[in-house]
N, C-alpha and C. Protein backbone atom coordinates (compact mmCIF):
# COMPACT_ATOMS: atom_id res chain seq x y z
N MET A 1 0.83 -1.20 0.00
CA MET A 1 0.00 0.00 0.00
C MET A 1 0.87 1.25 0.00
N ILE A 2 1.98 1.20 0.72
CA ILE A 2 2.89 2.34 0.70
C ILE A 2 3.42 2.55 -0.72
N ALA A 3 3.67 1.43 -1.43
CA ALA A 3 4.17 1.53 -2.80
C ALA A 3 3.14 2.19 -3.72
N ARG A 4 1.86 2.10 -3.36
CA ARG A 4 0.82 2.72 -4.19
C ARG A 4 0.58 4.17 -3.79
N GLY A 5 1.40 4.69 -2.90
CA GLY A 5 1.29 6.09 -2.56
C GLY A 5 0.81 6.40 -1.17
N ALA A 6 0.45 5.38 -0.40
CA ALA A 6 -0.01 5.61 0.96
C ALA A 6 1.19 5.87 1.87
N LEU A 7 1.22 7.02 2.49
CA LEU A 7 2.34 7.38 3.35
C LEU A 7 2.11 6.94 4.80
N THR A 8 0.86 6.96 5.23
CA THR A 8 0.52 6.57 6.59
C THR A 8 -0.48 5.42 6.55
N VAL A 9 -0.07 4.26 7.04
CA VAL A 9 -0.90 3.06 7.03
C VAL A 9 -1.21 2.67 8.47
N ALA A 10 -2.48 2.45 8.76
CA ALA A 10 -2.89 2.03 10.10
C ALA A 10 -3.34 0.58 10.07
N GLY A 11 -2.83 -0.21 11.01
CA GLY A 11 -3.34 -1.55 11.22
C GLY A 11 -4.52 -1.48 12.17
N VAL A 12 -5.57 -2.22 11.87
CA VAL A 12 -6.80 -2.17 12.66
C VAL A 12 -7.21 -3.59 13.06
N ASP A 13 -7.52 -3.77 14.33
CA ASP A 13 -8.02 -5.05 14.81
C ASP A 13 -9.03 -4.81 15.91
N GLU A 14 -9.91 -5.80 16.11
CA GLU A 14 -10.97 -5.67 17.11
C GLU A 14 -10.86 -6.79 18.14
N VAL A 15 -11.51 -6.56 19.27
CA VAL A 15 -11.63 -7.59 20.30
C VAL A 15 -12.99 -7.41 20.96
N GLY A 16 -13.60 -8.53 21.32
CA GLY A 16 -14.89 -8.50 21.98
C GLY A 16 -16.06 -8.79 21.08
N ARG A 17 -15.80 -9.15 19.83
CA ARG A 17 -16.90 -9.42 18.90
C ARG A 17 -17.79 -10.56 19.40
N GLY A 18 -17.20 -11.63 19.92
CA GLY A 18 -17.97 -12.79 20.33
C GLY A 18 -18.35 -12.82 21.79
N ALA A 19 -18.05 -11.76 22.53
CA ALA A 19 -18.40 -11.73 23.95
C ALA A 19 -19.90 -11.57 24.12
N TRP A 20 -20.39 -12.00 25.29
CA TRP A 20 -21.80 -11.80 25.62
C TRP A 20 -22.03 -10.50 26.38
N ALA A 21 -20.97 -9.95 26.93
CA ALA A 21 -21.09 -8.74 27.72
C ALA A 21 -19.93 -7.80 27.41
N GLY A 22 -20.16 -6.52 27.62
CA GLY A 22 -19.12 -5.53 27.42
C GLY A 22 -19.09 -4.98 26.01
N PRO A 23 -18.27 -3.97 25.79
CA PRO A 23 -18.19 -3.34 24.47
C PRO A 23 -17.39 -4.16 23.49
N VAL A 24 -17.55 -3.86 22.22
CA VAL A 24 -16.58 -4.28 21.23
C VAL A 24 -15.58 -3.13 21.11
N LEU A 25 -14.30 -3.46 21.07
CA LEU A 25 -13.25 -2.44 21.07
C LEU A 25 -12.36 -2.64 19.84
N VAL A 26 -12.04 -1.54 19.20
CA VAL A 26 -11.17 -1.55 18.02
C VAL A 26 -9.95 -0.69 18.31
N ALA A 27 -8.79 -1.20 17.94
CA ALA A 27 -7.55 -0.42 18.04
C ALA A 27 -7.03 -0.14 16.65
N ALA A 28 -6.50 1.04 16.46
CA ALA A 28 -5.82 1.43 15.22
C ALA A 28 -4.39 1.81 15.59
N ALA A 29 -3.42 1.22 14.90
CA ALA A 29 -2.01 1.47 15.22
C ALA A 29 -1.24 1.82 13.96
N VAL A 30 -0.41 2.84 14.07
CA VAL A 30 0.46 3.28 12.98
C VAL A 30 1.90 3.03 13.40
N THR A 31 2.67 2.38 12.54
CA THR A 31 4.06 2.08 12.85
C THR A 31 4.97 2.64 11.76
N ASP A 32 6.27 2.70 12.09
CA ASP A 32 7.24 3.05 11.06
C ASP A 32 7.92 1.75 10.60
N LEU A 33 9.04 1.85 9.98
CA LEU A 33 9.71 0.66 9.45
C LEU A 33 10.78 0.13 10.39
N SER A 34 10.75 0.53 11.65
CA SER A 34 11.75 0.05 12.60
C SER A 34 11.44 -1.38 13.03
N VAL A 35 12.42 -2.00 13.65
CA VAL A 35 12.28 -3.39 14.10
C VAL A 35 11.25 -3.46 15.22
N PRO A 36 10.26 -4.35 15.10
CA PRO A 36 9.21 -4.41 16.13
C PRO A 36 9.72 -5.06 17.41
N PRO A 37 9.02 -4.86 18.51
CA PRO A 37 9.41 -5.51 19.77
C PRO A 37 9.38 -7.03 19.64
N ALA A 38 10.25 -7.67 20.39
CA ALA A 38 10.31 -9.14 20.37
C ALA A 38 8.99 -9.72 20.83
N GLY A 39 8.53 -10.74 20.13
CA GLY A 39 7.31 -11.44 20.53
C GLY A 39 6.03 -10.84 20.00
N LEU A 40 6.10 -9.78 19.21
CA LEU A 40 4.88 -9.16 18.71
C LEU A 40 4.20 -10.08 17.70
N THR A 41 2.96 -10.47 18.01
CA THR A 41 2.18 -11.34 17.14
C THR A 41 0.71 -11.21 17.52
N ASP A 42 -0.11 -12.04 16.93
CA ASP A 42 -1.53 -12.10 17.26
C ASP A 42 -1.69 -12.26 18.77
N SER A 43 -2.51 -11.41 19.37
CA SER A 43 -2.66 -11.43 20.83
C SER A 43 -3.18 -12.78 21.35
N LYS A 44 -3.94 -13.50 20.51
CA LYS A 44 -4.50 -14.78 20.94
C LYS A 44 -3.43 -15.85 21.10
N LEU A 45 -2.26 -15.62 20.55
CA LEU A 45 -1.17 -16.58 20.66
C LEU A 45 -0.28 -16.32 21.88
N LEU A 46 -0.60 -15.30 22.65
CA LEU A 46 0.21 -14.92 23.81
C LEU A 46 -0.56 -15.17 25.10
N THR A 47 0.17 -15.53 26.15
CA THR A 47 -0.45 -15.62 27.46
C THR A 47 -0.80 -14.22 27.94
N ALA A 48 -1.64 -14.15 28.95
CA ALA A 48 -2.04 -12.83 29.46
C ALA A 48 -0.83 -12.04 29.94
N ARG A 49 0.08 -12.70 30.66
CA ARG A 49 1.26 -11.99 31.15
C ARG A 49 2.14 -11.52 30.00
N ARG A 50 2.33 -12.40 29.00
CA ARG A 50 3.18 -12.04 27.87
C ARG A 50 2.54 -10.93 27.05
N ARG A 51 1.21 -10.94 26.91
CA ARG A 51 0.52 -9.84 26.20
C ARG A 51 0.82 -8.51 26.85
N GLU A 52 0.74 -8.46 28.17
CA GLU A 52 0.99 -7.21 28.86
C GLU A 52 2.43 -6.75 28.67
N GLU A 53 3.37 -7.70 28.67
CA GLU A 53 4.77 -7.35 28.44
C GLU A 53 4.97 -6.80 27.03
N VAL A 54 4.37 -7.47 26.05
CA VAL A 54 4.51 -7.02 24.67
C VAL A 54 3.82 -5.67 24.48
N ALA A 55 2.63 -5.50 25.07
CA ALA A 55 1.92 -4.22 24.96
C ALA A 55 2.74 -3.08 25.54
N ALA A 56 3.42 -3.34 26.65
CA ALA A 56 4.25 -2.30 27.26
C ALA A 56 5.40 -1.90 26.33
N ALA A 57 5.90 -2.87 25.55
CA ALA A 57 6.97 -2.57 24.60
C ALA A 57 6.43 -1.91 23.34
N VAL A 58 5.21 -2.27 22.95
CA VAL A 58 4.60 -1.70 21.75
C VAL A 58 4.25 -0.23 21.96
N ASP A 59 3.82 0.12 23.15
CA ASP A 59 3.36 1.49 23.43
C ASP A 59 4.34 2.56 22.97
N PRO A 60 5.63 2.49 23.38
CA PRO A 60 6.55 3.53 22.90
C PRO A 60 7.07 3.29 21.49
N TRP A 61 6.85 2.08 20.96
CA TRP A 61 7.40 1.75 19.64
C TRP A 61 6.53 2.27 18.50
N VAL A 62 5.21 2.18 18.65
CA VAL A 62 4.34 2.62 17.56
C VAL A 62 4.42 4.13 17.38
N THR A 63 4.16 4.58 16.17
CA THR A 63 4.13 6.01 15.89
C THR A 63 2.92 6.66 16.55
N ALA A 64 1.78 5.96 16.50
CA ALA A 64 0.55 6.44 17.11
C ALA A 64 -0.42 5.28 17.24
N TYR A 65 -1.31 5.38 18.22
CA TYR A 65 -2.39 4.41 18.31
C TYR A 65 -3.58 5.05 19.02
N ALA A 66 -4.75 4.47 18.79
CA ALA A 66 -5.97 4.97 19.42
C ALA A 66 -7.00 3.86 19.48
N PHE A 67 -7.98 4.04 20.38
CA PHE A 67 -9.03 3.04 20.57
C PHE A 67 -10.39 3.66 20.28
N GLY A 68 -11.31 2.80 19.88
CA GLY A 68 -12.71 3.18 19.76
C GLY A 68 -13.57 2.03 20.24
N THR A 69 -14.70 2.33 20.84
CA THR A 69 -15.59 1.28 21.34
C THR A 69 -17.01 1.52 20.86
N ALA A 70 -17.78 0.44 20.84
CA ALA A 70 -19.24 0.51 20.72
C ALA A 70 -19.78 -0.26 21.91
N ASP A 71 -20.66 0.36 22.67
CA ASP A 71 -21.12 -0.25 23.91
C ASP A 71 -22.25 -1.25 23.63
N PRO A 72 -22.65 -2.04 24.63
CA PRO A 72 -23.68 -3.06 24.40
C PRO A 72 -24.98 -2.50 23.83
N GLY A 73 -25.39 -1.33 24.28
CA GLY A 73 -26.61 -0.74 23.75
C GLY A 73 -26.49 -0.43 22.27
N GLU A 74 -25.32 0.05 21.84
CA GLU A 74 -25.12 0.35 20.42
C GLU A 74 -25.07 -0.94 19.61
N ILE A 75 -24.49 -1.99 20.17
CA ILE A 75 -24.46 -3.28 19.49
C ILE A 75 -25.88 -3.80 19.29
N ASP A 76 -26.70 -3.70 20.34
CA ASP A 76 -28.09 -4.15 20.23
C ASP A 76 -28.88 -3.33 19.22
N GLU A 77 -28.62 -2.04 19.19
CA GLU A 77 -29.38 -1.15 18.30
C GLU A 77 -28.95 -1.28 16.84
N LEU A 78 -27.65 -1.42 16.62
CA LEU A 78 -27.11 -1.35 15.27
C LEU A 78 -26.81 -2.70 14.64
N GLY A 79 -26.56 -3.74 15.47
CA GLY A 79 -26.00 -4.98 14.96
C GLY A 79 -24.49 -4.90 14.98
N MET A 80 -23.85 -6.07 14.94
CA MET A 80 -22.40 -6.11 15.15
C MET A 80 -21.61 -5.46 14.03
N THR A 81 -22.01 -5.67 12.78
CA THR A 81 -21.23 -5.08 11.68
C THR A 81 -21.18 -3.56 11.79
N ALA A 82 -22.34 -2.94 11.99
CA ALA A 82 -22.38 -1.48 12.10
C ALA A 82 -21.70 -1.00 13.37
N ALA A 83 -21.79 -1.79 14.46
CA ALA A 83 -21.12 -1.42 15.70
C ALA A 83 -19.61 -1.48 15.53
N LEU A 84 -19.13 -2.48 14.80
CA LEU A 84 -17.69 -2.56 14.52
C LEU A 84 -17.23 -1.34 13.71
N ARG A 85 -18.01 -0.97 12.73
CA ARG A 85 -17.65 0.21 11.93
C ARG A 85 -17.61 1.46 12.80
N LEU A 86 -18.60 1.60 13.66
CA LEU A 86 -18.66 2.76 14.55
C LEU A 86 -17.42 2.82 15.44
N ALA A 87 -17.05 1.68 16.04
CA ALA A 87 -15.88 1.64 16.92
C ALA A 87 -14.60 1.90 16.13
N ALA A 88 -14.51 1.34 14.93
CA ALA A 88 -13.30 1.53 14.12
C ALA A 88 -13.15 2.99 13.69
N VAL A 89 -14.23 3.61 13.28
CA VAL A 89 -14.17 5.02 12.88
C VAL A 89 -13.77 5.88 14.07
N ARG A 90 -14.31 5.57 15.24
CA ARG A 90 -13.92 6.32 16.44
C ARG A 90 -12.43 6.18 16.71
N ALA A 91 -11.89 4.98 16.53
CA ALA A 91 -10.46 4.78 16.74
C ALA A 91 -9.64 5.54 15.71
N LEU A 92 -10.01 5.42 14.45
CA LEU A 92 -9.26 6.08 13.38
C LEU A 92 -9.31 7.60 13.50
N GLU A 93 -10.47 8.11 13.87
CA GLU A 93 -10.59 9.57 14.00
C GLU A 93 -9.88 10.09 15.25
N ALA A 94 -9.57 9.21 16.19
CA ALA A 94 -8.84 9.62 17.38
C ALA A 94 -7.32 9.66 17.16
N LEU A 95 -6.87 9.08 16.04
CA LEU A 95 -5.43 9.15 15.73
C LEU A 95 -5.04 10.60 15.47
N PRO A 96 -3.80 10.98 15.79
CA PRO A 96 -3.37 12.36 15.56
C PRO A 96 -3.21 12.71 14.09
N ILE A 97 -3.15 11.71 13.22
CA ILE A 97 -3.07 11.95 11.78
C ILE A 97 -3.99 10.96 11.08
N ARG A 98 -4.69 11.42 10.06
CA ARG A 98 -5.59 10.52 9.33
C ARG A 98 -4.76 9.61 8.43
N PRO A 99 -4.91 8.29 8.57
CA PRO A 99 -4.13 7.39 7.72
C PRO A 99 -4.59 7.42 6.27
N ASP A 100 -3.65 7.20 5.37
CA ASP A 100 -3.97 7.14 3.95
C ASP A 100 -4.60 5.80 3.58
N ALA A 101 -4.29 4.76 4.35
CA ALA A 101 -4.78 3.43 4.05
C ALA A 101 -4.88 2.63 5.34
N ILE A 102 -5.75 1.60 5.30
CA ILE A 102 -6.02 0.75 6.46
C ILE A 102 -5.73 -0.69 6.09
N VAL A 103 -5.02 -1.40 6.96
CA VAL A 103 -4.92 -2.85 6.86
C VAL A 103 -5.83 -3.42 7.94
N LEU A 104 -6.84 -4.16 7.52
CA LEU A 104 -7.89 -4.64 8.41
C LEU A 104 -7.77 -6.14 8.56
N ASP A 105 -7.70 -6.61 9.80
CA ASP A 105 -7.61 -8.04 10.04
C ASP A 105 -8.91 -8.72 9.65
N GLY A 106 -8.82 -9.84 8.93
CA GLY A 106 -10.00 -10.59 8.55
C GLY A 106 -10.32 -10.47 7.07
N LYS A 107 -11.47 -11.02 6.68
CA LYS A 107 -11.83 -11.05 5.26
C LYS A 107 -12.96 -10.09 4.90
N HIS A 108 -13.62 -9.49 5.90
CA HIS A 108 -14.73 -8.58 5.62
C HIS A 108 -14.33 -7.14 5.91
N ASP A 109 -14.59 -6.28 4.94
CA ASP A 109 -14.35 -4.86 5.12
C ASP A 109 -15.57 -4.23 5.78
N PHE A 110 -15.55 -4.13 7.11
CA PHE A 110 -16.68 -3.51 7.80
C PHE A 110 -16.55 -2.00 7.88
N LEU A 111 -15.47 -1.46 7.32
CA LEU A 111 -15.30 -0.01 7.29
C LEU A 111 -15.95 0.61 6.06
N GLY A 112 -15.59 0.14 4.89
CA GLY A 112 -16.17 0.68 3.66
C GLY A 112 -15.67 2.08 3.35
N THR A 113 -16.28 2.71 2.38
CA THR A 113 -15.90 4.05 1.96
C THR A 113 -16.18 5.05 3.08
N PRO A 114 -15.39 6.12 3.17
CA PRO A 114 -14.35 6.58 2.23
C PRO A 114 -12.96 6.05 2.54
N TRP A 115 -12.86 5.06 3.42
CA TRP A 115 -11.56 4.55 3.83
C TRP A 115 -10.97 3.64 2.76
N GLU A 116 -9.67 3.74 2.55
CA GLU A 116 -8.94 2.86 1.63
C GLU A 116 -8.50 1.65 2.45
N VAL A 117 -9.16 0.51 2.23
CA VAL A 117 -8.99 -0.65 3.10
C VAL A 117 -8.45 -1.84 2.32
N ARG A 118 -7.52 -2.54 2.95
CA ARG A 118 -7.09 -3.85 2.47
C ARG A 118 -7.34 -4.86 3.58
N CYS A 119 -8.12 -5.89 3.30
CA CYS A 119 -8.39 -6.93 4.28
C CYS A 119 -7.34 -8.03 4.15
N VAL A 120 -6.82 -8.47 5.28
CA VAL A 120 -5.80 -9.52 5.30
C VAL A 120 -6.21 -10.58 6.31
N ILE A 121 -6.50 -11.78 5.82
CA ILE A 121 -6.84 -12.88 6.73
C ILE A 121 -5.61 -13.22 7.57
N LYS A 122 -5.81 -13.32 8.87
CA LYS A 122 -4.73 -13.53 9.84
C LYS A 122 -3.69 -12.41 9.73
N GLY A 123 -4.19 -11.20 9.49
CA GLY A 123 -3.29 -10.06 9.40
C GLY A 123 -2.54 -9.81 10.70
N ASP A 124 -3.13 -10.25 11.82
CA ASP A 124 -2.44 -10.06 13.10
C ASP A 124 -1.24 -10.97 13.26
N GLN A 125 -1.03 -11.89 12.30
CA GLN A 125 0.16 -12.73 12.31
C GLN A 125 1.14 -12.37 11.20
N SER A 126 0.70 -11.55 10.24
CA SER A 126 1.56 -11.25 9.10
C SER A 126 1.88 -9.77 8.93
N CYS A 127 1.17 -8.90 9.62
CA CYS A 127 1.37 -7.46 9.47
C CYS A 127 1.65 -6.86 10.85
N ILE A 128 2.77 -6.20 11.02
CA ILE A 128 3.16 -5.76 12.36
C ILE A 128 2.24 -4.68 12.92
N SER A 129 1.67 -3.83 12.05
CA SER A 129 0.77 -2.80 12.57
C SER A 129 -0.53 -3.43 13.06
N VAL A 130 -1.01 -4.47 12.38
CA VAL A 130 -2.22 -5.17 12.83
C VAL A 130 -1.93 -5.94 14.10
N ALA A 131 -0.75 -6.58 14.17
CA ALA A 131 -0.37 -7.28 15.40
C ALA A 131 -0.29 -6.32 16.57
N ALA A 132 0.24 -5.14 16.34
CA ALA A 132 0.32 -4.14 17.41
C ALA A 132 -1.09 -3.75 17.85
N ALA A 133 -1.98 -3.53 16.90
CA ALA A 133 -3.37 -3.20 17.24
C ALA A 133 -4.03 -4.34 18.00
N SER A 134 -3.74 -5.57 17.60
CA SER A 134 -4.32 -6.74 18.26
C SER A 134 -3.93 -6.81 19.73
N VAL A 135 -2.64 -6.65 20.01
CA VAL A 135 -2.16 -6.73 21.39
C VAL A 135 -2.68 -5.56 22.22
N LEU A 136 -2.59 -4.37 21.68
CA LEU A 136 -3.07 -3.20 22.42
C LEU A 136 -4.57 -3.30 22.71
N ALA A 137 -5.33 -3.78 21.73
CA ALA A 137 -6.79 -3.89 21.91
C ALA A 137 -7.13 -4.90 22.99
N LYS A 138 -6.48 -6.05 22.95
CA LYS A 138 -6.80 -7.11 23.91
C LYS A 138 -6.46 -6.69 25.33
N VAL A 139 -5.30 -6.10 25.52
CA VAL A 139 -4.91 -5.67 26.87
C VAL A 139 -5.84 -4.56 27.37
N ARG A 140 -6.18 -3.65 26.48
CA ARG A 140 -7.07 -2.55 26.86
C ARG A 140 -8.45 -3.07 27.28
N ARG A 141 -9.04 -3.94 26.46
CA ARG A 141 -10.39 -4.39 26.77
C ARG A 141 -10.40 -5.30 28.01
N ASP A 142 -9.40 -6.16 28.15
CA ASP A 142 -9.34 -7.01 29.34
C ASP A 142 -9.30 -6.17 30.61
N GLY A 143 -8.49 -5.11 30.58
CA GLY A 143 -8.42 -4.22 31.74
C GLY A 143 -9.74 -3.51 31.97
N MET A 144 -10.40 -3.10 30.89
CA MET A 144 -11.69 -2.43 31.00
C MET A 144 -12.73 -3.36 31.62
N MET A 145 -12.77 -4.61 31.16
CA MET A 145 -13.75 -5.56 31.69
C MET A 145 -13.46 -5.90 33.15
N ALA A 146 -12.20 -5.96 33.52
CA ALA A 146 -11.87 -6.22 34.93
C ALA A 146 -12.38 -5.09 35.82
N ARG A 147 -12.22 -3.85 35.36
CA ARG A 147 -12.70 -2.72 36.15
C ARG A 147 -14.23 -2.69 36.21
N LEU A 148 -14.87 -2.89 35.06
CA LEU A 148 -16.33 -2.89 35.03
C LEU A 148 -16.90 -4.04 35.86
N GLY A 149 -16.18 -5.16 35.87
CA GLY A 149 -16.64 -6.33 36.58
C GLY A 149 -16.57 -6.24 38.09
N GLU A 150 -15.92 -5.21 38.61
CA GLU A 150 -15.86 -5.05 40.06
C GLU A 150 -17.26 -4.87 40.65
N ASP A 151 -18.18 -4.34 39.88
CA ASP A 151 -19.55 -4.16 40.36
C ASP A 151 -20.39 -5.42 40.21
N TYR A 152 -19.87 -6.43 39.50
CA TYR A 152 -20.62 -7.66 39.24
C TYR A 152 -19.71 -8.87 39.45
N PRO A 153 -19.23 -9.09 40.68
CA PRO A 153 -18.22 -10.13 40.91
C PRO A 153 -18.67 -11.54 40.56
N ALA A 154 -19.96 -11.82 40.62
CA ALA A 154 -20.43 -13.18 40.34
C ALA A 154 -20.13 -13.61 38.91
N TYR A 155 -19.98 -12.67 38.00
CA TYR A 155 -19.80 -12.99 36.59
C TYR A 155 -18.33 -13.20 36.21
N ALA A 156 -17.42 -12.86 37.10
CA ALA A 156 -15.97 -13.07 36.88
C ALA A 156 -15.48 -12.46 35.58
N PHE A 157 -15.92 -11.24 35.31
CA PHE A 157 -15.47 -10.57 34.09
C PHE A 157 -13.97 -10.32 34.09
N ASP A 158 -13.36 -10.31 35.27
CA ASP A 158 -11.92 -10.11 35.32
C ASP A 158 -11.15 -11.28 34.73
N SER A 159 -11.78 -12.46 34.66
CA SER A 159 -11.10 -13.62 34.09
C SER A 159 -11.65 -14.02 32.73
N ASN A 160 -12.93 -13.74 32.45
CA ASN A 160 -13.50 -14.16 31.17
C ASN A 160 -13.78 -13.02 30.20
N ALA A 161 -13.63 -11.78 30.66
CA ALA A 161 -13.78 -10.59 29.81
C ALA A 161 -15.12 -10.52 29.10
N GLY A 162 -16.15 -11.16 29.69
CA GLY A 162 -17.48 -11.10 29.10
C GLY A 162 -17.79 -12.22 28.13
N TYR A 163 -16.83 -13.11 27.90
CA TYR A 163 -17.07 -14.26 27.04
C TYR A 163 -17.81 -15.36 27.83
N PRO A 164 -18.45 -16.32 27.15
CA PRO A 164 -19.32 -17.28 27.83
C PRO A 164 -18.59 -18.41 28.54
N ALA A 165 -17.79 -18.09 29.54
CA ALA A 165 -17.15 -19.09 30.38
C ALA A 165 -18.19 -19.72 31.31
N PRO A 166 -17.93 -20.91 31.86
CA PRO A 166 -18.92 -21.57 32.73
C PRO A 166 -19.39 -20.71 33.89
N VAL A 167 -18.49 -19.99 34.55
CA VAL A 167 -18.90 -19.17 35.68
C VAL A 167 -19.81 -18.02 35.23
N HIS A 168 -19.56 -17.51 34.06
CA HIS A 168 -20.41 -16.45 33.49
C HIS A 168 -21.80 -17.00 33.18
N ARG A 169 -21.86 -18.18 32.57
CA ARG A 169 -23.14 -18.80 32.26
C ARG A 169 -23.94 -19.07 33.53
N ALA A 170 -23.26 -19.58 34.55
CA ALA A 170 -23.94 -19.90 35.81
C ALA A 170 -24.50 -18.64 36.47
N ALA A 171 -23.73 -17.56 36.42
CA ALA A 171 -24.20 -16.30 37.01
C ALA A 171 -25.42 -15.76 36.26
N LEU A 172 -25.43 -15.93 34.94
CA LEU A 172 -26.58 -15.49 34.16
C LEU A 172 -27.83 -16.26 34.54
N VAL A 173 -27.70 -17.58 34.71
CA VAL A 173 -28.85 -18.40 35.09
C VAL A 173 -29.41 -17.93 36.43
N GLU A 174 -28.51 -17.66 37.38
CA GLU A 174 -28.94 -17.32 38.73
C GLU A 174 -29.39 -15.87 38.87
N HIS A 175 -28.64 -14.95 38.24
CA HIS A 175 -28.87 -13.53 38.49
C HIS A 175 -29.47 -12.76 37.31
N GLY A 176 -29.41 -13.32 36.11
CA GLY A 176 -29.88 -12.60 34.94
C GLY A 176 -28.88 -11.58 34.43
N PRO A 177 -29.31 -10.69 33.55
CA PRO A 177 -28.37 -9.78 32.88
C PRO A 177 -27.96 -8.61 33.76
N THR A 178 -26.81 -8.06 33.41
CA THR A 178 -26.33 -6.80 33.98
C THR A 178 -26.45 -5.73 32.89
N PRO A 179 -26.22 -4.48 33.22
CA PRO A 179 -26.23 -3.44 32.17
C PRO A 179 -25.13 -3.62 31.13
N LEU A 180 -24.20 -4.54 31.37
CA LEU A 180 -23.11 -4.77 30.43
C LEU A 180 -23.46 -5.81 29.36
N HIS A 181 -24.59 -6.49 29.50
CA HIS A 181 -24.91 -7.58 28.60
C HIS A 181 -25.56 -7.10 27.31
N ARG A 182 -25.30 -7.85 26.25
CA ARG A 182 -25.89 -7.60 24.94
C ARG A 182 -27.24 -8.32 24.92
N MET A 183 -28.30 -7.56 24.84
CA MET A 183 -29.63 -8.10 25.09
C MET A 183 -30.36 -8.60 23.84
N SER A 184 -29.74 -8.50 22.68
CA SER A 184 -30.39 -8.97 21.45
C SER A 184 -29.81 -10.29 20.96
N TRP A 185 -28.91 -10.88 21.73
CA TRP A 185 -28.19 -12.05 21.25
C TRP A 185 -28.95 -13.33 21.54
N ALA A 186 -28.62 -14.37 20.77
CA ALA A 186 -29.39 -15.61 20.79
C ALA A 186 -29.25 -16.39 22.09
N TYR A 187 -28.21 -16.13 22.89
CA TYR A 187 -28.04 -16.94 24.09
C TYR A 187 -29.19 -16.77 25.08
N TRP A 188 -29.96 -15.68 24.98
CA TRP A 188 -31.11 -15.51 25.86
C TRP A 188 -32.19 -16.55 25.60
N ASP A 189 -32.21 -17.13 24.40
CA ASP A 189 -33.19 -18.17 24.10
C ASP A 189 -32.98 -19.41 24.97
N ASP A 190 -31.78 -19.59 25.47
CA ASP A 190 -31.46 -20.75 26.31
C ASP A 190 -31.58 -20.45 27.80
N LEU A 191 -32.10 -19.28 28.14
CA LEU A 191 -32.28 -18.88 29.53
C LEU A 191 -33.76 -18.57 29.76
N PRO A 192 -34.57 -19.61 30.01
CA PRO A 192 -36.03 -19.43 30.06
C PRO A 192 -36.50 -18.34 31.02
N GLU A 193 -35.84 -18.22 32.18
CA GLU A 193 -36.31 -17.25 33.16
C GLU A 193 -36.05 -15.81 32.74
N TRP A 194 -35.15 -15.62 31.80
CA TRP A 194 -34.77 -14.27 31.40
C TRP A 194 -35.07 -13.99 29.93
N ARG A 195 -35.63 -14.97 29.24
CA ARG A 195 -35.85 -14.85 27.80
C ARG A 195 -36.74 -13.66 27.45
N HIS A 196 -37.63 -13.32 28.35
CA HIS A 196 -38.56 -12.22 28.06
C HIS A 196 -37.87 -10.87 27.96
N LEU A 197 -36.62 -10.79 28.44
CA LEU A 197 -35.88 -9.53 28.40
C LEU A 197 -35.14 -9.33 27.07
N LYS A 198 -35.11 -10.37 26.26
CA LYS A 198 -34.35 -10.28 25.00
C LYS A 198 -34.93 -9.20 24.10
N ARG A 199 -34.04 -8.42 23.51
CA ARG A 199 -34.44 -7.37 22.57
C ARG A 199 -34.47 -7.92 21.15
N PRO A 200 -35.35 -7.39 20.29
CA PRO A 200 -35.34 -7.82 18.88
C PRO A 200 -34.00 -7.49 18.24
N ARG A 201 -33.55 -8.39 17.39
CA ARG A 201 -32.30 -8.14 16.65
C ARG A 201 -32.55 -7.12 15.56
N PRO A 202 -31.59 -6.24 15.31
CA PRO A 202 -31.75 -5.30 14.18
C PRO A 202 -31.71 -6.05 12.86
N LEU A 203 -32.33 -5.49 11.85
CA LEU A 203 -32.26 -6.08 10.53
C LEU A 203 -30.82 -6.08 10.04
N PRO A 204 -30.39 -7.15 9.37
CA PRO A 204 -29.01 -7.16 8.85
C PRO A 204 -28.81 -6.09 7.80
N PRO A 205 -27.59 -5.54 7.71
CA PRO A 205 -27.34 -4.51 6.70
C PRO A 205 -27.39 -5.08 5.30
N ILE A 206 -27.70 -4.23 4.34
CA ILE A 206 -27.65 -4.64 2.94
C ILE A 206 -26.20 -4.85 2.55
N ASP A 207 -25.90 -5.99 1.96
CA ASP A 207 -24.53 -6.28 1.54
C ASP A 207 -24.22 -5.52 0.26
N ASP A 208 -23.36 -4.51 0.38
CA ASP A 208 -23.04 -3.68 -0.78
C ASP A 208 -21.72 -4.08 -1.42
N GLY A 209 -21.22 -5.27 -1.04
CA GLY A 209 -19.95 -5.71 -1.60
C GLY A 209 -18.75 -5.28 -0.80
N GLN A 210 -18.98 -4.43 0.22
CA GLN A 210 -17.87 -3.96 1.03
C GLN A 210 -18.04 -4.37 2.50
N LEU A 211 -19.26 -4.16 3.03
CA LEU A 211 -19.47 -4.48 4.44
C LEU A 211 -19.74 -5.96 4.60
N GLY A 212 -19.28 -6.51 5.74
CA GLY A 212 -19.53 -7.91 6.02
C GLY A 212 -20.93 -8.10 6.52
N PHE A 213 -21.33 -9.36 6.70
CA PHE A 213 -22.64 -9.65 7.22
C PHE A 213 -22.67 -9.41 8.71
N ASP A 214 -23.86 -9.17 9.23
CA ASP A 214 -24.03 -8.93 10.66
C ASP A 214 -23.64 -10.17 11.44
N LEU A 215 -22.71 -10.02 12.35
CA LEU A 215 -22.21 -11.15 13.13
C LEU A 215 -22.66 -11.09 14.57
N GLY A 216 -23.62 -10.21 14.89
CA GLY A 216 -24.08 -10.08 16.25
C GLY A 216 -24.82 -11.31 16.71
C-alpha cells in the first residue's frame, strides 16, 4: 500500500466481537519501518502476562495508536457489523493523523468508503501494525472488563472478559443480565427465566460488496 502512494498506514483489529457482555473495542495502530518488539504477534497466541509485556513494549514503539468502542446498547441497536464500523471510525478519528490506508484483520471490510482498506486474513500474524493493534486492543479491553466487573463479581469478568465461560453462564442463570450484557443475542433463548428480556435483533445490513454480514 505504501508503494501505491499511501504514506501513513494504520493496522486495525478488534476484540470483543464474540463476547456476551461488554463493548466491542477496536484499536488502530500506525508504525514506522523500525524493528518491532520481540514477541509481537496475534494477541491470541500470547499468554495474558506475555501480552501485557509485549503491549508495554509496543506502546513507545508505535508512531501512534488509538481506541474506539461501541457499547452493548449500540451493538443491540445497530447490529455487530455497524457497531464494529462505529468503533473503528472512532479509533481512526482519534489518531493524531488521518491514515492514507487501512490494513484490516479478517476477510470482511466492515469499514467501507471513504476509507482505503485492504483486508488480510490472519493479518495479526503477518502485518506488524495489525499485530500491534491486536495486542493493544486485547490488553485494553481485558483491563476495562476487569474494572467494570468489580460491580458484578459473580460474573468473573476479570477472568473471562465477558465471554461465555462456565462461571459467566452460571451467574446469568442465577442472576440474569447486567447493564453490560448484549440483550439482542441468541443466548437468551437458552435462559427461560430471562428470555422475556431479550431485545429484537436489528435487521441485517444490505450487503453492498464492502461491508460484512451482521455477526451479532
